[in-house]
N, C-alpha and C. Protein backbone atom coordinates (compact mmCIF):
# COMPACT_ATOMS: atom_id res chain seq x y z
N MET A 1 70.86 176.33 70.37
CA MET A 1 70.55 176.01 71.30
C MET A 1 71.88 174.96 72.04
N ASP A 2 72.56 175.47 72.98
CA ASP A 2 73.12 174.20 73.44
C ASP A 2 72.82 173.53 74.54
N GLU A 3 73.28 172.14 74.39
CA GLU A 3 72.66 171.23 74.96
C GLU A 3 73.07 170.86 76.11
N LYS A 4 72.93 170.55 77.59
CA LYS A 4 73.74 170.62 78.54
C LYS A 4 73.02 168.84 79.14
N SER A 5 74.30 169.04 79.71
CA SER A 5 74.51 166.76 79.14
C SER A 5 73.91 166.50 80.60
N ILE A 6 73.06 166.28 81.24
CA ILE A 6 73.12 165.73 82.37
C ILE A 6 73.38 163.87 83.03
N GLU A 7 74.17 163.61 84.54
CA GLU A 7 74.91 162.83 84.85
C GLU A 7 74.16 162.37 85.86
N ILE A 8 74.31 161.32 85.68
CA ILE A 8 72.94 160.44 86.82
C ILE A 8 73.79 160.21 87.87
N ILE A 9 73.80 160.28 88.65
CA ILE A 9 74.45 158.75 90.30
C ILE A 9 73.99 158.15 90.73
N ILE A 10 73.47 156.97 90.09
CA ILE A 10 73.51 155.75 91.55
C ILE A 10 74.12 155.64 92.80
N PRO A 11 74.36 155.79 93.77
CA PRO A 11 74.10 155.38 95.02
C PRO A 11 74.92 154.46 94.74
N GLU A 12 76.70 153.85 95.32
CA GLU A 12 76.77 152.02 95.07
C GLU A 12 76.43 151.39 97.26
N ALA A 13 76.06 150.51 96.57
CA ALA A 13 74.91 150.14 97.39
C ALA A 13 76.88 149.58 99.02
N THR A 14 75.63 149.33 100.32
CA THR A 14 77.10 149.50 100.78
C THR A 14 76.98 147.82 100.58
N ASP A 15 78.55 147.54 101.03
CA ASP A 15 78.29 145.77 101.76
C ASP A 15 76.88 145.15 103.21
N GLU A 16 77.11 145.92 103.50
CA GLU A 16 75.85 145.17 104.01
C GLU A 16 74.27 145.51 103.56
N GLU A 17 73.50 146.56 102.22
CA GLU A 17 72.89 146.14 101.81
C GLU A 17 73.19 145.05 100.24
N ILE A 18 74.05 144.61 100.43
CA ILE A 18 74.56 144.14 98.84
C ILE A 18 74.28 143.03 99.39
N GLU A 19 74.45 142.43 100.83
CA GLU A 19 74.29 140.88 101.62
C GLU A 19 72.96 140.70 101.99
N GLU A 20 72.26 141.57 102.38
CA GLU A 20 70.85 141.87 102.74
C GLU A 20 70.86 141.41 101.08
N LEU A 21 70.37 142.09 99.78
CA LEU A 21 69.88 142.02 98.73
C LEU A 21 70.93 139.89 98.05
N ILE A 22 71.85 139.35 98.58
CA ILE A 22 72.66 138.54 97.79
C ILE A 22 71.16 137.47 98.43
N ALA A 23 70.89 137.41 100.37
CA ALA A 23 70.05 137.21 101.00
C ALA A 23 68.95 136.35 101.04
N LYS A 24 68.11 137.75 100.47
CA LYS A 24 66.39 137.85 99.52
C LYS A 24 66.84 137.03 97.92
N ALA A 25 67.90 137.38 97.45
CA ALA A 25 68.03 136.43 96.01
C ALA A 25 67.93 134.81 95.77
N LYS A 26 68.39 134.89 96.88
CA LYS A 26 69.36 133.75 96.94
C LYS A 26 67.68 132.43 97.14
N PRO A 27 66.82 132.41 97.45
CA PRO A 27 65.68 131.77 96.82
C PRO A 27 65.01 131.54 94.92
N TYR A 28 65.47 132.53 94.60
CA TYR A 28 65.20 132.48 93.55
C TYR A 28 66.27 132.08 92.38
N ILE A 29 67.92 132.42 93.37
CA ILE A 29 68.66 131.55 92.78
C ILE A 29 68.77 130.09 92.71
N GLU A 30 68.73 129.76 93.55
CA GLU A 30 68.30 127.96 93.45
C GLU A 30 67.29 127.47 93.39
N LYS A 31 65.92 128.07 92.20
CA LYS A 31 64.92 127.96 91.63
C LYS A 31 65.74 127.60 90.51
N LEU A 32 66.92 128.54 89.47
CA LEU A 32 67.79 128.47 88.37
C LEU A 32 67.35 126.79 87.79
N PRO A 33 67.81 125.83 86.42
CA PRO A 33 67.71 125.46 86.28
C PRO A 33 69.28 124.87 86.64
N LYS A 34 69.16 123.34 86.48
CA LYS A 34 70.40 122.84 87.12
C LYS A 34 70.84 121.87 86.11
N ARG A 35 71.86 121.48 85.89
CA ARG A 35 72.43 120.34 84.74
C ARG A 35 72.72 119.36 85.44
N ASN A 36 72.51 117.95 85.04
CA ASN A 36 72.70 116.57 85.24
C ASN A 36 74.66 116.14 85.30
N THR A 37 75.48 116.02 86.36
CA THR A 37 76.44 116.23 86.86
C THR A 37 77.13 114.74 86.26
N THR A 38 77.01 113.92 86.25
CA THR A 38 77.34 112.83 86.26
C THR A 38 77.98 113.59 84.76
N THR A 39 78.22 113.33 84.53
CA THR A 39 79.16 113.47 83.14
C THR A 39 80.83 114.73 83.43
N PHE A 40 80.36 115.51 84.62
CA PHE A 40 81.50 116.57 85.04
C PHE A 40 82.47 115.63 85.79
N THR A 41 83.19 116.30 85.58
CA THR A 41 85.04 115.39 85.53
C THR A 41 85.46 115.62 87.64
N ASP A 42 86.02 115.46 88.31
CA ASP A 42 86.47 115.20 89.09
C ASP A 42 86.54 116.42 89.29
N ILE A 43 87.47 117.73 88.75
CA ILE A 43 87.87 119.15 88.93
C ILE A 43 86.93 119.90 89.02
N GLU A 44 85.83 119.34 87.41
CA GLU A 44 84.78 120.42 88.32
C GLU A 44 84.16 120.10 88.89
N LEU A 45 84.02 118.91 89.60
CA LEU A 45 82.91 118.40 90.54
C LEU A 45 84.14 119.23 91.70
N GLY A 46 84.94 119.34 92.21
CA GLY A 46 85.07 120.12 93.11
C GLY A 46 85.32 121.64 93.04
N THR A 47 85.25 122.28 92.32
CA THR A 47 85.53 123.02 91.32
C THR A 47 84.01 124.35 92.00
N ARG A 48 82.49 123.41 92.48
CA ARG A 48 81.43 123.38 91.80
C ARG A 48 80.75 123.46 93.72
N LYS A 49 81.86 122.75 94.29
CA LYS A 49 82.06 122.59 95.85
C LYS A 49 81.81 124.11 96.40
N ASN A 50 82.80 124.37 96.08
CA ASN A 50 82.27 127.10 95.52
C ASN A 50 81.62 127.52 95.38
N TYR A 51 80.91 127.35 94.08
CA TYR A 51 80.73 127.77 93.35
C TYR A 51 79.15 126.64 92.83
N PRO A 52 78.36 126.31 93.44
CA PRO A 52 77.50 125.67 93.06
C PRO A 52 76.91 125.51 91.35
N LYS A 53 77.82 126.81 90.97
CA LYS A 53 76.53 127.04 89.18
C LYS A 53 77.49 127.17 89.05
N ALA A 54 79.21 126.64 89.49
CA ALA A 54 80.95 126.81 88.21
C ALA A 54 79.46 125.77 86.97
N TYR A 55 80.40 126.19 85.48
CA TYR A 55 79.05 124.43 84.40
C TYR A 55 78.17 124.41 83.93
N GLU A 56 77.12 126.16 84.58
CA GLU A 56 76.25 125.54 84.40
C GLU A 56 76.39 126.97 82.98
N PHE A 57 75.48 126.13 81.98
CA PHE A 57 74.26 127.12 81.27
C PHE A 57 73.82 128.61 81.79
N TRP A 58 73.64 129.64 81.29
CA TRP A 58 73.53 130.71 81.96
C TRP A 58 71.70 130.34 81.31
N ALA A 59 71.10 130.81 81.75
CA ALA A 59 70.11 130.95 81.44
C ALA A 59 70.18 132.36 81.22
N ASP A 60 68.73 133.06 80.49
CA ASP A 60 68.03 134.24 80.51
C ASP A 60 67.57 134.93 81.83
N LYS A 61 67.54 134.75 82.82
CA LYS A 61 66.56 135.03 84.17
C LYS A 61 68.45 134.96 84.76
N GLU A 62 69.60 134.36 84.69
CA GLU A 62 70.25 134.04 85.48
C GLU A 62 70.97 135.61 84.50
N ILE A 63 70.62 136.21 83.69
CA ILE A 63 71.34 136.85 82.62
C ILE A 63 70.61 138.28 82.78
N GLU A 64 69.16 138.04 83.20
CA GLU A 64 69.00 139.59 83.87
C GLU A 64 69.40 140.03 84.99
N ILE A 65 69.16 138.55 86.49
CA ILE A 65 69.84 138.87 87.24
C ILE A 65 71.55 139.25 87.70
N LEU A 66 72.39 139.55 86.93
CA LEU A 66 73.52 139.16 86.31
C LEU A 66 73.35 140.76 85.88
N ILE A 67 72.84 141.47 85.26
CA ILE A 67 72.54 142.25 84.67
C ILE A 67 72.55 143.60 85.63
N ARG A 68 71.62 142.78 86.81
CA ARG A 68 70.48 144.28 87.09
C ARG A 68 71.36 144.27 88.77
N ALA A 69 72.38 143.21 89.26
CA ALA A 69 72.52 142.99 90.25
C ALA A 69 73.76 143.71 89.94
N TYR A 70 74.91 143.54 88.74
CA TYR A 70 75.96 144.26 88.64
C TYR A 70 76.06 146.15 88.50
N SER A 71 74.28 145.79 88.12
CA SER A 71 74.41 147.83 87.63
C SER A 71 74.74 148.10 89.34
N LYS A 72 73.98 147.75 89.84
CA LYS A 72 73.49 147.71 91.47
C LYS A 72 75.29 147.98 92.70
N PHE A 73 75.31 146.90 92.32
CA PHE A 73 76.76 146.35 92.85
C PHE A 73 78.07 146.75 92.77
N LYS A 74 78.46 147.26 91.30
CA LYS A 74 79.73 147.35 90.40
C LYS A 74 80.77 146.60 91.52
N LYS A 75 80.67 145.46 92.13
CA LYS A 75 81.56 144.11 92.17
C LYS A 75 80.87 144.13 91.92
N ILE A 76 81.97 142.25 91.07
CA ILE A 76 82.31 141.39 90.74
C ILE A 76 81.93 140.06 91.95
N ASP A 77 82.84 140.58 92.48
CA ASP A 77 82.83 139.23 93.94
C ASP A 77 81.57 139.28 94.18
N LYS A 78 80.31 140.30 94.81
CA LYS A 78 79.50 139.93 95.08
C LYS A 78 78.61 139.45 94.07
N VAL A 79 78.09 139.96 92.94
CA VAL A 79 77.72 139.52 91.95
C VAL A 79 77.74 137.83 91.59
N ALA A 80 79.35 137.47 91.78
CA ALA A 80 79.35 135.89 91.94
C ALA A 80 78.85 135.00 92.91
N LYS A 81 79.11 136.07 94.23
CA LYS A 81 78.36 135.02 95.37
C LYS A 81 77.18 135.58 94.77
N LEU A 82 76.49 136.29 94.76
CA LEU A 82 74.44 136.02 94.24
C LEU A 82 74.55 135.03 93.04
N LEU A 83 75.45 134.54 92.18
CA LEU A 83 74.79 133.41 91.33
C LEU A 83 75.57 132.20 91.73
N GLU A 84 76.04 132.51 92.51
CA GLU A 84 76.91 131.03 93.10
C GLU A 84 77.88 130.72 92.39
N ARG A 85 78.75 131.73 91.48
CA ARG A 85 79.08 131.47 89.62
C ARG A 85 80.34 132.15 90.53
N GLN A 86 81.76 131.23 90.06
CA GLN A 86 83.32 132.08 89.99
C GLN A 86 83.39 133.29 89.23
N PRO A 87 84.55 134.68 89.33
CA PRO A 87 84.51 135.56 89.81
C PRO A 87 84.69 136.30 88.04
N SER A 88 85.41 134.72 88.12
CA SER A 88 86.11 135.37 86.53
C SER A 88 85.09 134.45 85.53
N ALA A 89 83.91 133.67 85.80
CA ALA A 89 82.83 133.17 84.73
C ALA A 89 81.65 134.91 84.86
N VAL A 90 81.12 135.30 85.89
CA VAL A 90 80.74 136.24 85.52
C VAL A 90 81.67 138.00 85.03
N GLU A 91 82.61 137.94 84.77
CA GLU A 91 83.78 139.00 84.50
C GLU A 91 83.25 138.68 83.16
N LYS A 92 83.86 137.82 82.64
CA LYS A 92 83.75 137.36 80.97
C LYS A 92 82.01 137.61 80.27
N ARG A 93 81.25 136.54 81.06
CA ARG A 93 79.79 137.69 81.24
C ARG A 93 79.39 138.38 80.76
N LEU A 94 80.37 139.27 82.11
CA LEU A 94 79.98 141.12 81.28
C LEU A 94 80.15 141.39 80.27
N CYS A 95 81.86 140.75 80.61
CA CYS A 95 82.61 141.47 79.39
C CYS A 95 81.96 140.82 77.57
N GLU A 96 80.59 140.17 77.40
CA GLU A 96 80.47 140.30 76.59
C GLU A 96 78.92 140.45 76.32
N LEU A 97 78.43 140.78 77.18
CA LEU A 97 77.53 141.95 77.08
C LEU A 97 77.86 143.47 77.38
N GLU A 98 79.60 143.51 77.33
CA GLU A 98 79.67 144.90 76.61
C GLU A 98 79.21 145.80 78.12
N LEU A 99 78.83 144.75 78.99
CA LEU A 99 79.24 145.49 80.19
C LEU A 99 80.29 146.36 81.32
N LEU A 100 81.80 146.06 80.80
CA LEU A 100 82.78 146.41 81.36
C LEU A 100 83.51 146.47 80.05
């Protein structure tokens, strides 16, 4: 008996839908743990002006959000915006999770 493969197609979210999801998720992102920044360098503090979660440890909940957001958005820059992290950090974590 021949097995037929079934391809499941999940439509990509529009930019407008993504922005709405980011706005809804923002309060949850803000509740994630934050490090004490007193030992951060001026460069690190400067980076955090653009990316407030830069140099934070990845919390399990944040990784869960990362996986769900990337599977929905398919756009690293939008996931980075949601998580308030550098796109390069998001890409690196996705690679470590073997999702890229």
